[in-house]
Amino acid sequence: MTKGLSVTTTAKILNITPNYVYRLIREGQLVLSTEQPYLITSDSVKKRLMKLVPFLANDLAIRTDYQIRQYEIAA
């Protein structure tokens, strides 16, 4: 069973639109765990978040990872 984050959830976490999530997928900045339905790996969302807010990398990396994984769904 594959786990991942929905496009809508990813958009909420990153504070972007679902259309921008699809763009990031096309550009390879977000990685899909499955294509039917589209589920994004939590690791790629965390990497994107850490890239946007670098100070989180040192102080909140473990907590951020835990919070993101709470939104994972199985397909």
C-alpha atoms as a PDB file:
ATOM      1  CA  MET A   1       0.000   0.000   0.000  1.00  0.00           C
ATOM      2  CA  THR A   2       1.437   3.354  -1.070  1.00  0.00           C
ATOM      3  CA  LYS A   3       1.128   6.433   1.117  1.00  0.00           C
ATOM      4  CA  GLY A   4       1.219  10.056   0.126  1.00  0.00           C
ATOM      5  CA  LEU A   5      -0.368  13.470   0.384  1.00  0.00           C
ATOM      6  CA  SER A   6      -3.221  14.600  -1.829  1.00  0.00           C
ATOM      7  CA  VAL A   7      -2.781  17.599  -4.100  1.00  0.00           C
ATOM      8  CA  THR A   8      -5.213  19.607  -1.963  1.00  0.00           C
ATOM      9  CA  THR A   9      -3.415  18.780   1.270  1.00  0.00           C
ATOM     10  CA  THR A  10      -0.035  19.532  -0.283  1.00  0.00           C
ATOM     11  CA  ALA A  11      -1.351  22.898  -1.462  1.00  0.00           C
ATOM     12  CA  LYS A  12      -2.555  23.716   2.067  1.00  0.00           C
ATOM     13  CA  ILE A  13       0.736  22.688   3.692  1.00  0.00           C
ATOM     14  CA  LEU A  14       2.797  24.742   1.238  1.00  0.00           C
ATOM     15  CA  ASN A  15       0.246  27.595   1.121  1.00  0.00           C
ATOM     16  CA  ILE A  16      -0.017  27.467  -2.667  1.00  0.00           C
ATOM     17  CA  THR A  17      -2.760  26.662  -5.172  1.00  0.00           C
ATOM     18  CA  PRO A  18      -3.447  23.119  -6.396  1.00  0.00           C
ATOM     19  CA  ASN A  19      -2.471  24.266  -9.905  1.00  0.00           C
ATOM     20  CA  TYR A  20       0.947  25.291  -8.604  1.00  0.00           C
ATOM     21  CA  VAL A  21       1.305  21.856  -6.986  1.00  0.00           C
ATOM     22  CA  TYR A  22       0.780  20.279 -10.425  1.00  0.00           C
ATOM     23  CA  ARG A  23       3.410  22.640 -11.848  1.00  0.00           C
ATOM     24  CA  LEU A  24       5.908  21.617  -9.153  1.00  0.00           C
ATOM     25  CA  ILE A  25       5.193  17.973  -9.996  1.00  0.00           C
ATOM     26  CA  ARG A  26       5.854  18.603 -13.700  1.00  0.00           C
ATOM     27  CA  GLU A  27       9.089  20.443 -12.841  1.00  0.00           C
ATOM     28  CA  GLY A  28      10.238  17.555 -10.644  1.00  0.00           C
ATOM     29  CA  GLN A  29      10.252  19.578  -7.431  1.00  0.00           C
ATOM     30  CA  LEU A  30       7.559  17.364  -5.891  1.00  0.00           C
ATOM     31  CA  VAL A  31       7.652  13.588  -6.282  1.00  0.00           C
ATOM     32  CA  LEU A  32       4.594  11.398  -6.804  1.00  0.00           C
ATOM     33  CA  SER A  33       4.174   8.174  -4.869  1.00  0.00           C
ATOM     34  CA  THR A  34       1.231   7.195  -7.120  1.00  0.00           C
ATOM     35  CA  GLU A  35      -0.384   8.662 -10.207  1.00  0.00           C
ATOM     36  CA  GLN A  36      -3.892   7.241  -9.741  1.00  0.00           C
ATOM     37  CA  PRO A  37      -4.813   9.100  -7.578  1.00  0.00           C
ATOM     38  CA  TYR A  38      -2.075  11.699  -7.499  1.00  0.00           C
ATOM     39  CA  LEU A  39      -0.321  11.328  -4.146  1.00  0.00           C
ATOM     40  CA  ILE A  40       2.825  13.287  -3.345  1.00  0.00           C
ATOM     41  CA  THR A  41       5.537  11.867  -1.106  1.00  0.00           C
ATOM     42  CA  SER A  42       5.751  13.525   2.294  1.00  0.00           C
ATOM     43  CA  ASP A  43       9.545  13.667   1.953  1.00  0.00           C
ATOM     44  CA  SER A  44       9.343  15.831  -1.169  1.00  0.00           C
ATOM     45  CA  VAL A  45       6.841  18.167   0.547  1.00  0.00           C
ATOM     46  CA  LYS A  46       9.162  18.444   3.555  1.00  0.00           C
ATOM     47  CA  LYS A  47      12.149  19.189   1.294  1.00  0.00           C
ATOM     48  CA  ARG A  48      10.165  21.889  -0.501  1.00  0.00           C
ATOM     49  CA  LEU A  49       9.076  23.405   2.810  1.00  0.00           C
ATOM     50  CA  MET A  50      12.633  23.365   4.159  1.00  0.00           C
ATOM     51  CA  LYS A  51      13.831  25.024   0.955  1.00  0.00           C
ATOM     52  CA  LEU A  52      11.273  27.809   1.403  1.00  0.00           C
ATOM     53  CA  VAL A  53      11.951  28.281   5.117  1.00  0.00           C
ATOM     54  CA  PRO A  54      15.554  27.192   5.712  1.00  0.00           C
ATOM     55  CA  PHE A  55      15.619  27.979   9.429  1.00  0.00           C
ATOM     56  CA  LEU A  56      13.138  25.133   9.934  1.00  0.00           C
ATOM     57  CA  ALA A  57      15.757  22.649   8.807  1.00  0.00           C
ATOM     58  CA  ASN A  58      17.720  22.842  12.036  1.00  0.00           C
ATOM     59  CA  ASP A  59      15.117  23.610  14.665  1.00  0.00           C
ATOM     60  CA  LEU A  60      11.914  21.950  13.570  1.00  0.00           C
ATOM     61  CA  ALA A  61      12.817  19.229  11.075  1.00  0.00           C
ATOM     62  CA  ILE A  62      11.611  16.297  13.176  1.00  0.00           C
ATOM     63  CA  ARG A  63       8.417  17.994  14.310  1.00  0.00           C
ATOM     64  CA  THR A  64       7.677  19.176  10.766  1.00  0.00           C
ATOM     65  CA  ASP A  65       8.164  15.660   9.417  1.00  0.00           C
ATOM     66  CA  TYR A  66       5.754  14.265  12.034  1.00  0.00           C
ATOM     67  CA  GLN A  67       3.101  16.899  11.277  1.00  0.00           C
ATOM     68  CA  ILE A  68       3.285  16.345   7.517  1.00  0.00           C
ATOM     69  CA  ARG A  69       3.015  12.563   7.895  1.00  0.00           C
ATOM     70  CA  GLN A  70      -0.222  13.022   9.856  1.00  0.00           C
ATOM     71  CA  TYR A  71      -1.872  14.047   6.572  1.00  0.00           C
ATOM     72  CA  GLU A  72      -0.729  11.021   4.575  1.00  0.00           C
ATOM     73  CA  ILE A  73      -3.369   8.846   3.004  1.00  0.00           C
ATOM     74  CA  ALA A  74      -3.003   5.344   1.616  1.00  0.00           C
ATOM     75  CA  ALA A  75      -3.809   4.347  -1.938  1.00  0.00           C
END
